[in-house]
Structures are given as structure tokens and as C-alpha cells.
Amino acid sequence: MRVNLAAQVLSNSVSNAFRYYNVDETTETEKFVAMFDKFFDCLNVCSITEHLAKRKPDLQPYHSISDARLKWLKEEFLGYLSTWEKEVEQRAGFTRSMKQSMLLSLEIL
């Protein structure tokens, strides 16, 4: 998989485009894109100034174990994935294989 392409598609710009057009059918897609953009930013901290140049506070270096981004990763992001998995499991009329294809694979995560 080409990570740079995934990062471009799952970006703040794409999330904002979904939000701008405000179509009900894309609300969950907008949320998914926004969550993964923040997830990528939280994991891709590599410079002490990049967050300033890109105006993305989630790219700041970590200085404390009480950083709000760590709480977001643990509670909101993992909670989002857990809720998604539970909702897929509760869907009726799908085989196990079909339900697995509705989830992110463990290799991706």
C-alpha cells in the first residue's frame, strides 16, 4: 500500500470537502476521514516545527504522558473503531466473510 496516497485521501482537505457539500449520505465518510487524518498526524510527529508550518497542532512533539492526543487515541479513536466493529457484528443478513470485508483488517491497523 502507498501510504502517501492514503494520507492524501484521508486528509483534512477531503474531510472539509465532505463537510462543505453537507450531504447526509457522506456524514459518516467525513467522520472516518477526519478521524484517520488526526490519527495519522498523532503518529507522524517527526519535527519540532512541522506543526507550525502546516498549522496542524496534532503534529506537535509529545512532551507529556498526559497529552490530550494520547487520551484521544485511547478513548475516541479506539472507541470509534470498537463501535464500528460492534455495529457491523449486529448487522443481519450478512455472512461472516461479508462482515469481515466491512471492517479494517488487522494488517492495516
PDB file of N, CA and C in Angstrom:
ATOM      1  N   MET A   1       0.838  -1.170   0.000  1.00  0.00           N
ATOM      2  CA  MET A   1       0.000   0.000   0.000  1.00  0.00           C
ATOM      3  C   MET A   1       0.889   1.241   0.000  1.00  0.00           C
ATOM      4  N   ARG A   2       0.488   2.239  -0.738  1.00  0.00           N
ATOM      5  CA  ARG A   2       1.222   3.500  -0.792  1.00  0.00           C
ATOM      6  C   ARG A   2       0.662   4.431   0.280  1.00  0.00           C
ATOM      7  N   VAL A   3       1.432   4.600   1.329  1.00  0.00           N
ATOM      8  CA  VAL A   3       0.987   5.375   2.479  1.00  0.00           C
ATOM      9  C   VAL A   3       0.750   6.827   2.109  1.00  0.00           C
ATOM     10  N   ASN A   4       1.596   7.385   1.242  1.00  0.00           N
ATOM     11  CA  ASN A   4       1.428   8.795   0.887  1.00  0.00           C
ATOM     12  C   ASN A   4       0.084   9.041   0.189  1.00  0.00           C
ATOM     13  N   LEU A   5      -0.378   8.082  -0.604  1.00  0.00           N
ATOM     14  CA  LEU A   5      -1.679   8.238  -1.267  1.00  0.00           C
ATOM     15  C   LEU A   5      -2.815   8.119  -0.256  1.00  0.00           C
ATOM     16  N   ALA A   6      -2.681   7.187   0.670  1.00  0.00           N
ATOM     17  CA  ALA A   6      -3.703   7.048   1.719  1.00  0.00           C
ATOM     18  C   ALA A   6      -3.778   8.331   2.540  1.00  0.00           C
ATOM     19  N   ALA A   7      -2.636   8.904   2.867  1.00  0.00           N
ATOM     20  CA  ALA A   7      -2.610  10.137   3.657  1.00  0.00           C
ATOM     21  C   ALA A   7      -3.241  11.301   2.895  1.00  0.00           C
ATOM     22  N   GLN A   8      -3.116  11.311   1.576  1.00  0.00           N
ATOM     23  CA  GLN A   8      -3.740  12.377   0.785  1.00  0.00           C
ATOM     24  C   GLN A   8      -5.255  12.221   0.750  1.00  0.00           C
ATOM     25  N   VAL A   9      -5.722  10.983   0.616  1.00  0.00           N
ATOM     26  CA  VAL A   9      -7.166  10.738   0.554  1.00  0.00           C
ATOM     27  C   VAL A   9      -7.796  10.920   1.935  1.00  0.00           C
ATOM     28  N   LEU A  10      -7.132  10.415   2.965  1.00  0.00           N
ATOM     29  CA  LEU A  10      -7.651  10.518   4.328  1.00  0.00           C
ATOM     30  C   LEU A  10      -7.082  11.777   4.981  1.00  0.00           C
ATOM     31  N   SER A  11      -7.398  12.914   4.389  1.00  0.00           N
ATOM     32  CA  SER A  11      -6.813  14.179   4.827  1.00  0.00           C
ATOM     33  C   SER A  11      -7.884  15.168   5.289  1.00  0.00           C
ATOM     34  N   ASN A  12      -7.425  16.183   5.960  1.00  0.00           N
ATOM     35  CA  ASN A  12      -8.305  17.255   6.420  1.00  0.00           C
ATOM     36  C   ASN A  12      -9.009  17.936   5.244  1.00  0.00           C
ATOM     37  N   SER A  13      -8.308  18.091   4.125  1.00  0.00           N
ATOM     38  CA  SER A  13      -8.907  18.729   2.943  1.00  0.00           C
ATOM     39  C   SER A  13     -10.092  17.931   2.420  1.00  0.00           C
ATOM     40  N   VAL A  14      -9.953  16.618   2.368  1.00  0.00           N
ATOM     41  CA  VAL A  14     -11.045  15.762   1.889  1.00  0.00           C
ATOM     42  C   VAL A  14     -12.199  15.791   2.893  1.00  0.00           C
ATOM     43  N   SER A  15     -11.871  15.724   4.159  1.00  0.00           N
ATOM     44  CA  SER A  15     -12.904  15.807   5.197  1.00  0.00           C
ATOM     45  C   SER A  15     -13.681  17.119   5.087  1.00  0.00           C
ATOM     46  N   ASN A  16     -12.958  18.213   4.896  1.00  0.00           N
ATOM     47  CA  ASN A  16     -13.609  19.523   4.750  1.00  0.00           C
ATOM     48  C   ASN A  16     -14.478  19.591   3.505  1.00  0.00           C
ATOM     49  N   ALA A  17     -14.067  18.930   2.434  1.00  0.00           N
ATOM     50  CA  ALA A  17     -14.880  18.908   1.209  1.00  0.00           C
ATOM     51  C   ALA A  17     -16.205  18.197   1.462  1.00  0.00           C
ATOM     52  N   PHE A  18     -16.152  17.066   2.177  1.00  0.00           N
ATOM     53  CA  PHE A  18     -17.404  16.378   2.530  1.00  0.00           C
ATOM     54  C   PHE A  18     -18.281  17.281   3.394  1.00  0.00           C
ATOM     55  N   ARG A  19     -17.692  17.950   4.347  1.00  0.00           N
ATOM     56  CA  ARG A  19     -18.439  18.825   5.247  1.00  0.00           C
ATOM     57  C   ARG A  19     -19.032  20.008   4.471  1.00  0.00           C
ATOM     58  N   TYR A  20     -18.276  20.552   3.542  1.00  0.00           N
ATOM     59  CA  TYR A  20     -18.727  21.706   2.756  1.00  0.00           C
ATOM     60  C   TYR A  20     -19.987  21.367   1.955  1.00  0.00           C
ATOM     61  N   TYR A  21     -19.988  20.189   1.305  1.00  0.00           N
ATOM     62  CA  TYR A  21     -21.138  19.815   0.483  1.00  0.00           C
ATOM     63  C   TYR A  21     -22.311  19.316   1.313  1.00  0.00           C
ATOM     64  N   ASN A  22     -22.059  18.964   2.579  1.00  0.00           N
ATOM     65  CA  ASN A  22     -23.107  18.670   3.556  1.00  0.00           C
ATOM     66  C   ASN A  22     -24.202  17.743   3.016  1.00  0.00           C
ATOM     67  N   VAL A  23     -23.796  16.604   2.510  1.00  0.00           N
ATOM     68  CA  VAL A  23     -24.741  15.600   2.016  1.00  0.00           C
ATOM     69  C   VAL A  23     -24.898  14.546   3.109  1.00  0.00           C
ATOM     70  N   ASP A  24     -26.147  14.238   3.483  1.00  0.00           N
ATOM     71  CA  ASP A  24     -26.389  13.292   4.579  1.00  0.00           C
ATOM     72  C   ASP A  24     -25.689  11.951   4.377  1.00  0.00           C
ATOM     73  N   GLU A  25     -25.629  11.489   3.142  1.00  0.00           N
ATOM     74  CA  GLU A  25     -25.042  10.180   2.857  1.00  0.00           C
ATOM     75  C   GLU A  25     -23.533  10.134   3.079  1.00  0.00           C
ATOM     76  N   THR A  26     -22.900  11.285   3.216  1.00  0.00           N
ATOM     77  CA  THR A  26     -21.441  11.304   3.380  1.00  0.00           C
ATOM     78  C   THR A  26     -21.002  11.689   4.792  1.00  0.00           C
ATOM     79  N   THR A  27     -21.941  11.836   5.701  1.00  0.00           N
ATOM     80  CA  THR A  27     -21.599  12.260   7.064  1.00  0.00           C
ATOM     81  C   THR A  27     -20.627  11.288   7.723  1.00  0.00           C
ATOM     82  N   GLU A  28     -20.898   9.997   7.630  1.00  0.00           N
ATOM     83  CA  GLU A  28     -20.015   9.008   8.251  1.00  0.00           C
ATOM     84  C   GLU A  28     -18.670   8.929   7.530  1.00  0.00           C
ATOM     85  N   THR A  29     -18.666   9.131   6.226  1.00  0.00           N
ATOM     86  CA  THR A  29     -17.404   9.139   5.488  1.00  0.00           C
ATOM     87  C   THR A  29     -16.560  10.328   5.918  1.00  0.00           C
ATOM     88  N   GLU A  30     -17.191  11.466   6.094  1.00  0.00           N
ATOM     89  CA  GLU A  30     -16.477  12.666   6.560  1.00  0.00           C
ATOM     90  C   GLU A  30     -15.857  12.410   7.934  1.00  0.00           C
ATOM     91  N   LYS A  31     -16.624  11.764   8.816  1.00  0.00           N
ATOM     92  CA  LYS A  31     -16.114  11.461  10.155  1.00  0.00           C
ATOM     93  C   LYS A  31     -14.930  10.485  10.068  1.00  0.00           C
ATOM     94  N   PHE A  32     -15.060   9.460   9.240  1.00  0.00           N
ATOM     95  CA  PHE A  32     -13.987   8.478   9.056  1.00  0.00           C
ATOM     96  C   PHE A  32     -12.706   9.160   8.576  1.00  0.00           C
ATOM     97  N   VAL A  33     -12.823   9.997   7.570  1.00  0.00           N
ATOM     98  CA  VAL A  33     -11.662  10.690   7.005  1.00  0.00           C
ATOM     99  C   VAL A  33     -11.030  11.606   8.052  1.00  0.00           C
ATOM    100  N   ALA A  34     -11.851  12.356   8.785  1.00  0.00           N
ATOM    101  CA  ALA A  34     -11.331  13.260   9.813  1.00  0.00           C
ATOM    102  C   ALA A  34     -10.620  12.490  10.928  1.00  0.00           C
ATOM    103  N   MET A  35     -11.198  11.358  11.334  1.00  0.00           N
ATOM    104  CA  MET A  35     -10.574  10.557  12.391  1.00  0.00           C
ATOM    105  C   MET A  35      -9.212  10.029  11.946  1.00  0.00           C
ATOM    106  N   PHE A  36      -9.137   9.534  10.717  1.00  0.00           N
ATOM    107  CA  PHE A  36      -7.869   8.973  10.263  1.00  0.00           C
ATOM    108  C   PHE A  36      -6.836  10.051   9.951  1.00  0.00           C
ATOM    109  N   ASP A  37      -7.273  11.226   9.550  1.00  0.00           N
ATOM    110  CA  ASP A  37      -6.326  12.325   9.376  1.00  0.00           C
ATOM    111  C   ASP A  37      -5.667  12.659  10.715  1.00  0.00           C
ATOM    112  N   LYS A  38      -6.479  12.773  11.749  1.00  0.00           N
ATOM    113  CA  LYS A  38      -5.930  13.073  13.076  1.00  0.00           C
ATOM    114  C   LYS A  38      -5.060  11.909  13.566  1.00  0.00           C
ATOM    115  N   PHE A  39      -5.495  10.687  13.319  1.00  0.00           N
ATOM    116  CA  PHE A  39      -4.714   9.502  13.702  1.00  0.00           C
ATOM    117  C   PHE A  39      -3.335   9.541  13.052  1.00  0.00           C
ATOM    118  N   PHE A  40      -3.294   9.795  11.743  1.00  0.00           N
ATOM    119  CA  PHE A  40      -2.010   9.880  11.036  1.00  0.00           C
ATOM    120  C   PHE A  40      -1.134  10.983  11.635  1.00  0.00           C
ATOM    121  N   ASP A  41      -1.738  12.129  11.904  1.00  0.00           N
ATOM    122  CA  ASP A  41      -0.972  13.242  12.473  1.00  0.00           C
ATOM    123  C   ASP A  41      -0.405  12.884  13.842  1.00  0.00           C
ATOM    124  N   CYS A  42      -1.200  12.247  14.667  1.00  0.00           N
ATOM    125  CA  CYS A  42      -0.734  11.868  16.008  1.00  0.00           C
ATOM    126  C   CYS A  42       0.437  10.890  15.950  1.00  0.00           C
ATOM    127  N   LEU A  43       0.468  10.057  14.924  1.00  0.00           N
ATOM    128  CA  LEU A  43       1.540   9.060  14.811  1.00  0.00           C
ATOM    129  C   LEU A  43       2.736   9.547  14.009  1.00  0.00           C
ATOM    130  N   ASN A  44       2.582  10.624  13.261  1.00  0.00           N
ATOM    131  CA  ASN A  44       3.646  11.089  12.371  1.00  0.00           C
ATOM    132  C   ASN A  44       4.377  12.325  12.881  1.00  0.00           C
ATOM    133  N   VAL A  45       4.534  12.425  14.170  1.00  0.00           N
ATOM    134  CA  VAL A  45       5.275  13.538  14.757  1.00  0.00           C
ATOM    135  C   VAL A  45       6.757  13.302  14.487  1.00  0.00           C
ATOM    136  N   CYS A  46       7.371  14.203  13.705  1.00  0.00           N
ATOM    137  CA  CYS A  46       8.779  13.965  13.358  1.00  0.00           C
ATOM    138  C   CYS A  46       9.626  15.234  13.388  1.00  0.00           C
ATOM    139  N   SER A  47       9.037  16.343  13.743  1.00  0.00           N
ATOM    140  CA  SER A  47       9.770  17.606  13.726  1.00  0.00           C
ATOM    141  C   SER A  47       9.227  18.509  14.828  1.00  0.00           C
ATOM    142  N   ILE A  48      10.082  19.360  15.354  1.00  0.00           N
ATOM    143  CA  ILE A  48       9.602  20.269  16.399  1.00  0.00           C
ATOM    144  C   ILE A  48       8.915  21.515  15.838  1.00  0.00           C
ATOM    145  N   THR A  49       8.986  21.709  14.523  1.00  0.00           N
ATOM    146  CA  THR A  49       8.370  22.896  13.926  1.00  0.00           C
ATOM    147  C   THR A  49       7.326  22.585  12.853  1.00  0.00           C
ATOM    148  N   GLU A  50       7.206  21.338  12.456  1.00  0.00           N
ATOM    149  CA  GLU A  50       6.283  20.996  11.363  1.00  0.00           C
ATOM    150  C   GLU A  50       4.847  21.420  11.668  1.00  0.00           C
ATOM    151  N   HIS A  51       4.425  21.293  12.915  1.00  0.00           N
ATOM    152  CA  HIS A  51       3.053  21.669  13.275  1.00  0.00           C
ATOM    153  C   HIS A  51       2.784  23.149  13.028  1.00  0.00           C
ATOM    154  N   LEU A  52       3.818  23.964  13.112  1.00  0.00           N
ATOM    155  CA  LEU A  52       3.661  25.396  12.845  1.00  0.00           C
ATOM    156  C   LEU A  52       3.528  25.668  11.355  1.00  0.00           C
ATOM    157  N   ALA A  53       4.406  25.064  10.577  1.00  0.00           N
ATOM    158  CA  ALA A  53       4.391  25.284   9.133  1.00  0.00           C
ATOM    159  C   ALA A  53       3.100  24.771   8.495  1.00  0.00           C
ATOM    160  N   LYS A  54       2.617  23.641   8.971  1.00  0.00           N
ATOM    161  CA  LYS A  54       1.409  23.039   8.389  1.00  0.00           C
ATOM    162  C   LYS A  54       0.129  23.463   9.111  1.00  0.00           C
ATOM    163  N   ARG A  55       0.290  24.224  10.202  1.00  0.00           N
ATOM    164  CA  ARG A  55      -0.852  24.667  11.001  1.00  0.00           C
ATOM    165  C   ARG A  55      -1.729  23.499  11.459  1.00  0.00           C
ATOM    166  N   LYS A  56      -1.034  22.466  11.932  1.00  0.00           N
ATOM    167  CA  LYS A  56      -1.726  21.274  12.410  1.00  0.00           C
ATOM    168  C   LYS A  56      -1.180  20.935  13.796  1.00  0.00           C
ATOM    169  N   PRO A  57      -1.893  21.329  14.842  1.00  0.00           N
ATOM    170  CA  PRO A  57      -1.389  21.129  16.206  1.00  0.00           C
ATOM    171  C   PRO A  57      -1.133  19.662  16.570  1.00  0.00           C
ATOM    172  N   ASP A  58      -1.789  18.732  15.892  1.00  0.00           N
ATOM    173  CA  ASP A  58      -1.576  17.315  16.210  1.00  0.00           C
ATOM    174  C   ASP A  58      -0.210  16.812  15.769  1.00  0.00           C
ATOM    175  N   LEU A  59       0.539  17.616  15.009  1.00  0.00           N
ATOM    176  CA  LEU A  59       1.896  17.248  14.596  1.00  0.00           C
ATOM    177  C   LEU A  59       2.965  17.715  15.597  1.00  0.00           C
ATOM    178  N   GLN A  60       2.538  18.356  16.681  1.00  0.00           N
ATOM    179  CA  GLN A  60       3.492  18.800  17.701  1.00  0.00           C
ATOM    180  C   GLN A  60       4.162  17.602  18.365  1.00  0.00           C
ATOM    181  N   PRO A  61       5.397  17.756  18.774  1.00  0.00           N
ATOM    182  CA  PRO A  61       6.047  16.678  19.536  1.00  0.00           C
ATOM    183  C   PRO A  61       5.315  16.444  20.867  1.00  0.00           C
ATOM    184  N   TYR A  62       5.380  15.221  21.338  1.00  0.00           N
ATOM    185  CA  TYR A  62       4.795  14.889  22.637  1.00  0.00           C
ATOM    186  C   TYR A  62       5.777  15.285  23.737  1.00  0.00           C
ATOM    187  N   HIS A  63       5.259  15.893  24.801  1.00  0.00           N
ATOM    188  CA  HIS A  63       6.096  16.303  25.922  1.00  0.00           C
ATOM    189  C   HIS A  63       5.638  15.711  27.246  1.00  0.00           C
ATOM    190  N   SER A  64       4.477  15.081  27.239  1.00  0.00           N
ATOM    191  CA  SER A  64       3.918  14.584  28.489  1.00  0.00           C
ATOM    192  C   SER A  64       3.031  13.369  28.230  1.00  0.00           C
ATOM    193  N   ILE A  65       2.998  12.474  29.201  1.00  0.00           N
ATOM    194  CA  ILE A  65       2.098  11.323  29.061  1.00  0.00           C
ATOM    195  C   ILE A  65       0.636  11.735  29.262  1.00  0.00           C
ATOM    196  N   SER A  66       0.419  12.944  29.719  1.00  0.00           N
ATOM    197  CA  SER A  66      -0.950  13.432  29.880  1.00  0.00           C
ATOM    198  C   SER A  66      -1.403  14.271  28.680  1.00  0.00           C
ATOM    199  N   ASP A  67      -0.680  14.160  27.582  1.00  0.00           N
ATOM    200  CA  ASP A  67      -1.034  14.882  26.354  1.00  0.00           C
ATOM    201  C   ASP A  67      -2.455  14.486  25.923  1.00  0.00           C
ATOM    202  N   ALA A  68      -3.264  15.457  25.577  1.00  0.00           N
ATOM    203  CA  ALA A  68      -4.657  15.212  25.187  1.00  0.00           C
ATOM    204  C   ALA A  68      -4.768  14.306  23.970  1.00  0.00           C
ATOM    205  N   ARG A  69      -3.755  14.317  23.109  1.00  0.00           N
ATOM    206  CA  ARG A  69      -3.803  13.451  21.919  1.00  0.00           C
ATOM    207  C   ARG A  69      -3.733  11.976  22.295  1.00  0.00           C
ATOM    208  N   LEU A  70      -2.997  11.652  23.344  1.00  0.00           N
ATOM    209  CA  LEU A  70      -2.916  10.262  23.790  1.00  0.00           C
ATOM    210  C   LEU A  70      -4.269   9.806  24.333  1.00  0.00           C
ATOM    211  N   LYS A  71      -4.932  10.689  25.042  1.00  0.00           N
ATOM    212  CA  LYS A  71      -6.284  10.386  25.527  1.00  0.00           C
ATOM    213  C   LYS A  71      -7.241  10.224  24.349  1.00  0.00           C
ATOM    214  N   TRP A  72      -7.124  11.095  23.350  1.00  0.00           N
ATOM    215  CA  TRP A  72      -7.968  10.993  22.155  1.00  0.00           C
ATOM    216  C   TRP A  72      -7.743   9.657  21.458  1.00  0.00           C
ATOM    217  N   LEU A  73      -6.483   9.265  21.294  1.00  0.00           N
ATOM    218  CA  LEU A  73      -6.180   7.990  20.644  1.00  0.00           C
ATOM    219  C   LEU A  73      -6.809   6.822  21.401  1.00  0.00           C
ATOM    220  N   LYS A  74      -6.658   6.837  22.690  1.00  0.00           N
ATOM    221  CA  LYS A  74      -7.143   5.719  23.513  1.00  0.00           C
ATOM    222  C   LYS A  74      -8.661   5.690  23.599  1.00  0.00           C
ATOM    223  N   GLU A  75      -9.266   6.831  23.832  1.00  0.00           N
ATOM    224  CA  GLU A  75     -10.703   6.856  24.090  1.00  0.00           C
ATOM    225  C   GLU A  75     -11.540   7.066  22.833  1.00  0.00           C
ATOM    226  N   GLU A  76     -11.275   8.138  22.122  1.00  0.00           N
ATOM    227  CA  GLU A  76     -12.124   8.454  20.966  1.00  0.00           C
ATOM    228  C   GLU A  76     -11.812   7.583  19.747  1.00  0.00           C
ATOM    229  N   PHE A  77     -10.541   7.520  19.360  1.00  0.00           N
ATOM    230  CA  PHE A  77     -10.212   6.790  18.144  1.00  0.00           C
ATOM    231  C   PHE A  77     -10.459   5.294  18.298  1.00  0.00           C
ATOM    232  N   LEU A  78      -9.925   4.702  19.361  1.00  0.00           N
ATOM    233  CA  LEU A  78     -10.165   3.269  19.571  1.00  0.00           C
ATOM    234  C   LEU A  78     -11.636   2.999  19.854  1.00  0.00           C
ATOM    235  N   GLY A  79     -12.316   3.927  20.520  1.00  0.00           N
ATOM    236  CA  GLY A  79     -13.757   3.799  20.738  1.00  0.00           C
ATOM    237  C   GLY A  79     -14.530   3.826  19.423  1.00  0.00           C
ATOM    238  N   TYR A  80     -14.110   4.694  18.516  1.00  0.00           N
ATOM    239  CA  TYR A  80     -14.731   4.771  17.184  1.00  0.00           C
ATOM    240  C   TYR A  80     -14.596   3.435  16.458  1.00  0.00           C
ATOM    241  N   LEU A  81     -13.396   2.861  16.469  1.00  0.00           N
ATOM    242  CA  LEU A  81     -13.171   1.575  15.808  1.00  0.00           C
ATOM    243  C   LEU A  81     -13.968   0.460  16.472  1.00  0.00           C
ATOM    244  N   SER A  82     -14.043   0.481  17.787  1.00  0.00           N
ATOM    245  CA  SER A  82     -14.796  -0.532  18.518  1.00  0.00           C
ATOM    246  C   SER A  82     -16.293  -0.442  18.209  1.00  0.00           C
ATOM    247  N   THR A  83     -16.819   0.766  18.188  1.00  0.00           N
ATOM    248  CA  THR A  83     -18.233   0.972  17.855  1.00  0.00           C
ATOM    249  C   THR A  83     -18.522   0.496  16.443  1.00  0.00           C
ATOM    250  N   TRP A  84     -17.629   0.803  15.520  1.00  0.00           N
ATOM    251  CA  TRP A  84     -17.780   0.373  14.131  1.00  0.00           C
ATOM    252  C   TRP A  84     -17.862  -1.157  14.078  1.00  0.00           C
ATOM    253  N   GLU A  85     -16.949  -1.816  14.776  1.00  0.00           N
ATOM    254  CA  GLU A  85     -16.929  -3.280  14.762  1.00  0.00           C
ATOM    255  C   GLU A  85     -18.222  -3.854  15.342  1.00  0.00           C
ATOM    256  N   LYS A  86     -18.703  -3.286  16.440  1.00  0.00           N
ATOM    257  CA  LYS A  86     -19.947  -3.757  17.057  1.00  0.00           C
ATOM    258  C   LYS A  86     -21.136  -3.565  16.123  1.00  0.00           C
ATOM    259  N   GLU A  87     -21.186  -2.419  15.439  1.00  0.00           N
ATOM    260  CA  GLU A  87     -22.292  -2.168  14.512  1.00  0.00           C
ATOM    261  C   GLU A  87     -22.280  -3.146  13.351  1.00  0.00           C
ATOM    262  N   VAL A  88     -21.098  -3.476  12.856  1.00  0.00           N
ATOM    263  CA  VAL A  88     -21.003  -4.457  11.766  1.00  0.00           C
ATOM    264  C   VAL A  88     -21.456  -5.825  12.260  1.00  0.00           C
ATOM    265  N   GLU A  89     -21.019  -6.216  13.448  1.00  0.00           N
ATOM    266  CA  GLU A  89     -21.399  -7.521  14.005  1.00  0.00           C
ATOM    267  C   GLU A  89     -22.906  -7.649  14.183  1.00  0.00           C
ATOM    268  N   GLN A  90     -23.600  -6.555  14.459  1.00  0.00           N
ATOM    269  CA  GLN A  90     -25.038  -6.577  14.694  1.00  0.00           C
ATOM    270  C   GLN A  90     -25.864  -6.560  13.410  1.00  0.00           C
ATOM    271  N   ARG A  91     -25.216  -6.357  12.279  1.00  0.00           N
ATOM    272  CA  ARG A  91     -25.960  -6.306  11.014  1.00  0.00           C
ATOM    273  C   ARG A  91     -26.469  -7.691  10.648  1.00  0.00           C
ATOM    274  N   ALA A  92     -27.726  -7.746  10.316  1.00  0.00           N
ATOM    275  CA  ALA A  92     -28.353  -9.022   9.955  1.00  0.00           C
ATOM    276  C   ALA A  92     -28.293  -9.224   8.440  1.00  0.00           C
ATOM    277  N   GLY A  93     -28.299 -10.476   8.033  1.00  0.00           N
ATOM    278  CA  GLY A  93     -28.368 -10.797   6.610  1.00  0.00           C
ATOM    279  C   GLY A  93     -27.036 -10.827   5.891  1.00  0.00           C
ATOM    280  N   PHE A  94     -25.931 -10.840   6.638  1.00  0.00           N
ATOM    281  CA  PHE A  94     -24.607 -10.881   6.037  1.00  0.00           C
ATOM    282  C   PHE A  94     -23.843 -12.079   6.575  1.00  0.00           C
ATOM    283  N   THR A  95     -23.070 -12.703   5.719  1.00  0.00           N
ATOM    284  CA  THR A  95     -22.223 -13.806   6.168  1.00  0.00           C
ATOM    285  C   THR A  95     -21.047 -13.255   6.965  1.00  0.00           C
ATOM    286  N   ARG A  96     -20.363 -14.139   7.661  1.00  0.00           N
ATOM    287  CA  ARG A  96     -19.177 -13.742   8.436  1.00  0.00           C
ATOM    288  C   ARG A  96     -18.138 -13.104   7.520  1.00  0.00           C
ATOM    289  N   SER A  97     -17.965 -13.694   6.344  1.00  0.00           N
ATOM    290  CA  SER A  97     -16.996 -13.181   5.382  1.00  0.00           C
ATOM    291  C   SER A  97     -17.374 -11.779   4.912  1.00  0.00           C
ATOM    292  N   MET A  98     -18.642 -11.560   4.670  1.00  0.00           N
ATOM    293  CA  MET A  98     -19.103 -10.243   4.235  1.00  0.00           C
ATOM    294  C   MET A  98     -18.882  -9.205   5.338  1.00  0.00           C
ATOM    295  N   LYS A  99     -19.148  -9.590   6.580  1.00  0.00           N
ATOM    296  CA  LYS A  99     -18.945  -8.680   7.695  1.00  0.00           C
ATOM    297  C   LYS A  99     -17.456  -8.346   7.854  1.00  0.00           C
ATOM    298  N   GLN A 100     -16.586  -9.331   7.661  1.00  0.00           N
ATOM    299  CA  GLN A 100     -15.149  -9.080   7.757  1.00  0.00           C
ATOM    300  C   GLN A 100     -14.698  -8.068   6.712  1.00  0.00           C
ATOM    301  N   SER A 101     -15.310  -8.098   5.543  1.00  0.00           N
ATOM    302  CA  SER A 101     -14.928  -7.154   4.492  1.00  0.00           C
ATOM    303  C   SER A 101     -15.420  -5.731   4.781  1.00  0.00           C
ATOM    304  N   MET A 102     -16.311  -5.576   5.748  1.00  0.00           N
ATOM    305  CA  MET A 102     -16.810  -4.254   6.136  1.00  0.00           C
ATOM    306  C   MET A 102     -15.913  -3.595   7.185  1.00  0.00           C
ATOM    307  N   LEU A 103     -14.931  -4.329   7.673  1.00  0.00           N
ATOM    308  CA  LEU A 103     -14.040  -3.829   8.723  1.00  0.00           C
ATOM    309  C   LEU A 103     -12.640  -3.612   8.179  1.00  0.00           C
ATOM    310  N   LEU A 104     -11.855  -2.840   8.910  1.00  0.00           N
ATOM    311  CA  LEU A 104     -10.444  -2.698   8.576  1.00  0.00           C
ATOM    312  C   LEU A 104      -9.739  -3.975   8.980  1.00  0.00           C
ATOM    313  N   SER A 105      -8.825  -4.428   8.169  1.00  0.00           N
ATOM    314  CA  SER A 105      -8.081  -5.641   8.523  1.00  0.00           C
ATOM    315  C   SER A 105      -7.056  -5.316   9.607  1.00  0.00           C
ATOM    316  N   LEU A 106      -6.671  -6.315  10.358  1.00  0.00           N
ATOM    317  CA  LEU A 106      -5.674  -6.111  11.410  1.00  0.00           C
ATOM    318  C   LEU A 106      -4.332  -5.687  10.826  1.00  0.00           C
ATOM    319  N   GLU A 107      -4.040  -6.085   9.601  1.00  0.00           N
ATOM    320  CA  GLU A 107      -2.789  -5.684   8.951  1.00  0.00           C
ATOM    321  C   GLU A 107      -2.734  -4.177   8.736  1.00  0.00           C
ATOM    322  N   ILE A 108      -3.884  -3.585   8.475  1.00  0.00           N
ATOM    323  CA  ILE A 108      -3.941  -2.139   8.251  1.00  0.00           C
ATOM    324  C   ILE A 108      -3.713  -1.398   9.562  1.00  0.00           C
ATOM    325  N   LEU A 109      -4.290  -1.926  10.621  1.00  0.00           N
ATOM    326  CA  LEU A 109      -4.170  -1.276  11.917  1.00  0.00           C
ATOM    327  C   LEU A 109      -2.852  -1.639  12.541  1.00  0.00           C
TER     328      LEU A 109
END
